[in-house]
Amino acid sequence: MVESGRPRGENQALGHPQGTFMKHRYLALLAALLASAGAASAPLWIDVRSADEYAERHLGSDPNIPHADISRRIAQLAPDRNTEIVLYCAAGGRSGVAKMQLESLGYTRVRNAGGIEQARRERDCAEEPLPGSPSIPCPALETR
């Protein structure tokens, strides 16, 4: 049967139920592709120690969000809940608490790197610290 000059079943206008279905499928596919493209980006490293500890020394330009504030402030840095986030503190305890808080908010790719020294050793330290900022020097590459 023909409606408006087109065979029934053909995807007509977006207002048509079948057209709406196809639009939603397209948008879901586009969202999945964009999410997977973002998954390949570098992780977001966050220092969850206190502001005073951060002022004394920190790793490069990593942002500081104290663990008590992480639930309130994370959306500013990572609105996408699929962002890879790596947390660290002085020894790993506060970053563990922060990890649980982020997971309870629906963040799916959160990791506790432990303390700042472990994070320093793990980091790819190609980035230079900001001029005038007190920061821990990056470790030399180990060769075995």
C-alpha atoms as a PDB file:
ATOM      1  CA  MET A   1       0.000   0.000   0.000  1.00  0.00           C
ATOM      2  CA  VAL A   2       1.175   3.519  -0.733  1.00  0.00           C
ATOM      3  CA  GLU A   3       0.972   6.416   1.775  1.00  0.00           C
ATOM      4  CA  SER A   4       1.951   9.901   0.692  1.00  0.00           C
ATOM      5  CA  GLY A   5       3.498   8.540  -2.483  1.00  0.00           C
ATOM      6  CA  ARG A   6       5.818   6.054  -0.710  1.00  0.00           C
ATOM      7  CA  PRO A   7       5.475   2.345  -0.065  1.00  0.00           C
ATOM      8  CA  ARG A   8       4.399   1.391   3.476  1.00  0.00           C
ATOM      9  CA  GLY A   9       7.340   0.409   5.683  1.00  0.00           C
ATOM     10  CA  GLU A  10       9.774   2.769   4.034  1.00  0.00           C
ATOM     11  CA  ASN A  11      11.521   5.099   6.497  1.00  0.00           C
ATOM     12  CA  GLN A  12       9.679   8.363   5.821  1.00  0.00           C
ATOM     13  CA  ALA A  13       9.782  11.445   8.042  1.00  0.00           C
ATOM     14  CA  LEU A  14      11.402  11.601  11.483  1.00  0.00           C
ATOM     15  CA  GLY A  15       7.942  12.092  12.946  1.00  0.00           C
ATOM     16  CA  HIS A  16       6.860   8.706  11.568  1.00  0.00           C
ATOM     17  CA  PRO A  17       7.188   5.917  14.184  1.00  0.00           C
ATOM     18  CA  GLN A  18       9.576   3.893  12.038  1.00  0.00           C
ATOM     19  CA  GLY A  19      11.655   7.012  11.299  1.00  0.00           C
ATOM     20  CA  THR A  20      11.881   7.740  15.041  1.00  0.00           C
ATOM     21  CA  PHE A  21      13.099   4.188  15.672  1.00  0.00           C
ATOM     22  CA  MET A  22      15.840   4.570  13.057  1.00  0.00           C
ATOM     23  CA  LYS A  23      16.824   7.967  14.485  1.00  0.00           C
ATOM     24  CA  HIS A  24      17.222   6.457  17.967  1.00  0.00           C
ATOM     25  CA  ARG A  25      19.280   3.553  16.594  1.00  0.00           C
ATOM     26  CA  TYR A  26      21.534   6.006  14.750  1.00  0.00           C
ATOM     27  CA  LEU A  27      22.006   8.156  17.868  1.00  0.00           C
ATOM     28  CA  ALA A  28      22.799   5.094  20.006  1.00  0.00           C
ATOM     29  CA  LEU A  29      25.401   3.937  17.481  1.00  0.00           C
ATOM     30  CA  LEU A  30      26.920   7.428  17.298  1.00  0.00           C
ATOM     31  CA  ALA A  31      27.111   7.633  21.111  1.00  0.00           C
ATOM     32  CA  ALA A  32      28.835   4.240  21.275  1.00  0.00           C
ATOM     33  CA  LEU A  33      31.383   5.274  18.652  1.00  0.00           C
ATOM     34  CA  LEU A  34      32.130   8.545  20.430  1.00  0.00           C
ATOM     35  CA  ALA A  35      32.519   6.754  23.771  1.00  0.00           C
ATOM     36  CA  SER A  36      34.944   4.233  22.285  1.00  0.00           C
ATOM     37  CA  ALA A  37      36.960   7.033  20.672  1.00  0.00           C
ATOM     38  CA  GLY A  38      37.285   8.724  24.070  1.00  0.00           C
ATOM     39  CA  ALA A  39      38.370   5.444  25.647  1.00  0.00           C
ATOM     40  CA  ALA A  40      41.682   5.621  23.787  1.00  0.00           C
ATOM     41  CA  SER A  41      42.619   8.973  25.331  1.00  0.00           C
ATOM     42  CA  ALA A  42      45.118   9.332  28.179  1.00  0.00           C
ATOM     43  CA  PRO A  43      43.793   8.697  31.681  1.00  0.00           C
ATOM     44  CA  LEU A  44      42.934  11.545  34.015  1.00  0.00           C
ATOM     45  CA  TRP A  45      45.297  11.407  37.017  1.00  0.00           C
ATOM     46  CA  ILE A  46      43.923  13.043  40.173  1.00  0.00           C
ATOM     47  CA  ASP A  47      45.787  13.748  43.417  1.00  0.00           C
ATOM     48  CA  VAL A  48      43.232  13.307  46.236  1.00  0.00           C
ATOM     49  CA  ARG A  49      45.485  14.552  49.066  1.00  0.00           C
ATOM     50  CA  SER A  50      44.720  17.755  50.973  1.00  0.00           C
ATOM     51  CA  ALA A  51      45.372  21.152  49.405  1.00  0.00           C
ATOM     52  CA  ASP A  52      48.263  21.685  51.880  1.00  0.00           C
ATOM     53  CA  GLU A  53      49.913  18.402  50.910  1.00  0.00           C
ATOM     54  CA  TYR A  54      49.481  19.269  47.243  1.00  0.00           C
ATOM     55  CA  ALA A  55      51.047  22.706  47.775  1.00  0.00           C
ATOM     56  CA  GLU A  56      54.128  21.104  49.347  1.00  0.00           C
ATOM     57  CA  ARG A  57      54.744  18.806  46.382  1.00  0.00           C
ATOM     58  CA  HIS A  58      52.812  17.273  43.534  1.00  0.00           C
ATOM     59  CA  LEU A  59      53.208  15.472  40.233  1.00  0.00           C
ATOM     60  CA  GLY A  60      53.344  17.836  37.273  1.00  0.00           C
ATOM     61  CA  SER A  61      50.027  19.433  36.424  1.00  0.00           C
ATOM     62  CA  ASP A  62      47.780  16.731  37.900  1.00  0.00           C
ATOM     63  CA  PRO A  63      44.663  18.324  39.367  1.00  0.00           C
ATOM     64  CA  ASN A  64      44.059  18.206  43.101  1.00  0.00           C
ATOM     65  CA  ILE A  65      40.621  17.239  44.390  1.00  0.00           C
ATOM     66  CA  PRO A  66      40.762  16.257  48.080  1.00  0.00           C
ATOM     67  CA  HIS A  67      39.032  12.920  48.616  1.00  0.00           C
ATOM     68  CA  ALA A  68      36.314  14.543  50.757  1.00  0.00           C
ATOM     69  CA  ASP A  69      35.350  16.760  47.772  1.00  0.00           C
ATOM     70  CA  ILE A  70      35.653  14.231  44.937  1.00  0.00           C
ATOM     71  CA  SER A  71      31.931  13.402  44.667  1.00  0.00           C
ATOM     72  CA  ARG A  72      31.007  17.074  44.417  1.00  0.00           C
ATOM     73  CA  ARG A  73      33.737  18.184  41.999  1.00  0.00           C
ATOM     74  CA  ILE A  74      34.443  15.245  39.658  1.00  0.00           C
ATOM     75  CA  ALA A  75      31.880  16.263  37.022  1.00  0.00           C
ATOM     76  CA  GLN A  76      33.889  19.452  36.366  1.00  0.00           C
ATOM     77  CA  LEU A  77      36.874  17.396  35.199  1.00  0.00           C
ATOM     78  CA  ALA A  78      35.187  14.223  33.975  1.00  0.00           C
ATOM     79  CA  PRO A  79      31.561  14.649  32.918  1.00  0.00           C
ATOM     80  CA  ASP A  80      31.787  11.362  30.967  1.00  0.00           C
ATOM     81  CA  ARG A  81      31.460   8.469  33.416  1.00  0.00           C
ATOM     82  CA  ASN A  82      33.515   6.273  31.084  1.00  0.00           C
ATOM     83  CA  THR A  83      36.602   8.478  31.470  1.00  0.00           C
ATOM     84  CA  GLU A  84      39.627   6.533  32.668  1.00  0.00           C
ATOM     85  CA  ILE A  85      40.524   8.007  36.064  1.00  0.00           C
ATOM     86  CA  VAL A  86      43.602   7.158  38.136  1.00  0.00           C
ATOM     87  CA  LEU A  87      43.643   8.323  41.755  1.00  0.00           C
ATOM     88  CA  TYR A  88      46.500   8.627  44.219  1.00  0.00           C
ATOM     89  CA  CYS A  89      47.167  10.108  47.658  1.00  0.00           C
ATOM     90  CA  ALA A  90      49.991   9.744  50.198  1.00  0.00           C
ATOM     91  CA  ALA A  91      49.770   5.984  50.743  1.00  0.00           C
ATOM     92  CA  GLY A  92      46.649   4.697  48.957  1.00  0.00           C
ATOM     93  CA  GLY A  93      43.957   4.843  51.644  1.00  0.00           C
ATOM     94  CA  ARG A  94      42.235   8.080  50.660  1.00  0.00           C
ATOM     95  CA  SER A  95      42.457   7.233  46.969  1.00  0.00           C
ATOM     96  CA  GLY A  96      40.723   3.930  47.777  1.00  0.00           C
ATOM     97  CA  VAL A  97      37.881   5.808  49.486  1.00  0.00           C
ATOM     98  CA  ALA A  98      37.665   8.221  46.536  1.00  0.00           C
ATOM     99  CA  LYS A  99      37.556   5.276  44.115  1.00  0.00           C
ATOM    100  CA  MET A 100      34.546   3.803  45.917  1.00  0.00           C
ATOM    101  CA  GLN A 101      32.811   7.207  45.866  1.00  0.00           C
ATOM    102  CA  LEU A 102      33.318   7.584  42.109  1.00  0.00           C
ATOM    103  CA  GLU A 103      32.122   4.042  41.440  1.00  0.00           C
ATOM    104  CA  SER A 104      28.971   4.741  43.479  1.00  0.00           C
ATOM    105  CA  LEU A 105      28.362   7.721  41.147  1.00  0.00           C
ATOM    106  CA  GLY A 106      28.560   5.416  38.126  1.00  0.00           C
ATOM    107  CA  TYR A 107      32.153   5.977  37.000  1.00  0.00           C
ATOM    108  CA  THR A 108      33.262   2.728  35.377  1.00  0.00           C
ATOM    109  CA  ARG A 109      37.000   3.103  34.760  1.00  0.00           C
ATOM    110  CA  VAL A 110      38.500   4.185  38.085  1.00  0.00           C
ATOM    111  CA  ARG A 111      41.772   2.859  39.468  1.00  0.00           C
ATOM    112  CA  ASN A 112      43.640   3.428  42.726  1.00  0.00           C
ATOM    113  CA  ALA A 113      47.343   3.896  41.927  1.00  0.00           C
ATOM    114  CA  GLY A 114      48.210   3.933  45.631  1.00  0.00           C
ATOM    115  CA  GLY A 115      50.538   6.540  47.065  1.00  0.00           C
ATOM    116  CA  ILE A 116      52.228   9.443  45.360  1.00  0.00           C
ATOM    117  CA  GLU A 117      55.547   7.588  45.112  1.00  0.00           C
ATOM    118  CA  GLN A 118      53.890   4.638  43.352  1.00  0.00           C
ATOM    119  CA  ALA A 119      52.107   7.067  41.046  1.00  0.00           C
ATOM    120  CA  ARG A 120      55.382   8.858  40.338  1.00  0.00           C
ATOM    121  CA  ARG A 121      57.067   5.590  39.375  1.00  0.00           C
ATOM    122  CA  GLU A 122      54.141   4.497  37.222  1.00  0.00           C
ATOM    123  CA  ARG A 123      53.612   7.744  35.368  1.00  0.00           C
ATOM    124  CA  ASP A 124      54.835   8.497  31.920  1.00  0.00           C
ATOM    125  CA  CYS A 125      56.795  11.551  32.976  1.00  0.00           C
ATOM    126  CA  ALA A 126      57.242  13.118  29.577  1.00  0.00           C
ATOM    127  CA  GLU A 127      55.338  16.195  30.748  1.00  0.00           C
ATOM    128  CA  GLU A 128      57.329  19.026  32.267  1.00  0.00           C
ATOM    129  CA  PRO A 129      55.959  20.664  35.430  1.00  0.00           C
ATOM    130  CA  LEU A 130      54.546  24.159  35.186  1.00  0.00           C
ATOM    131  CA  PRO A 131      57.210  26.858  35.705  1.00  0.00           C
ATOM    132  CA  GLY A 132      57.495  27.823  39.366  1.00  0.00           C
ATOM    133  CA  SER A 133      55.384  24.922  40.652  1.00  0.00           C
ATOM    134  CA  PRO A 134      56.849  22.678  43.335  1.00  0.00           C
ATOM    135  CA  SER A 135      56.733  19.206  41.841  1.00  0.00           C
ATOM    136  CA  ILE A 136      58.429  15.868  42.225  1.00  0.00           C
ATOM    137  CA  PRO A 137      60.940  15.173  39.468  1.00  0.00           C
ATOM    138  CA  CYS A 138      60.043  12.288  37.205  1.00  0.00           C
ATOM    139  CA  PRO A 139      62.022   9.089  37.678  1.00  0.00           C
ATOM    140  CA  ALA A 140      64.609   8.063  35.137  1.00  0.00           C
ATOM    141  CA  LEU A 141      63.567   5.255  32.843  1.00  0.00           C
ATOM    142  CA  GLU A 142      64.729   1.918  34.199  1.00  0.00           C
ATOM    143  CA  THR A 143      66.501  -0.418  31.854  1.00  0.00           C
ATOM    144  CA  ARG A 144      66.756  -4.083  32.600  1.00  0.00           C
END
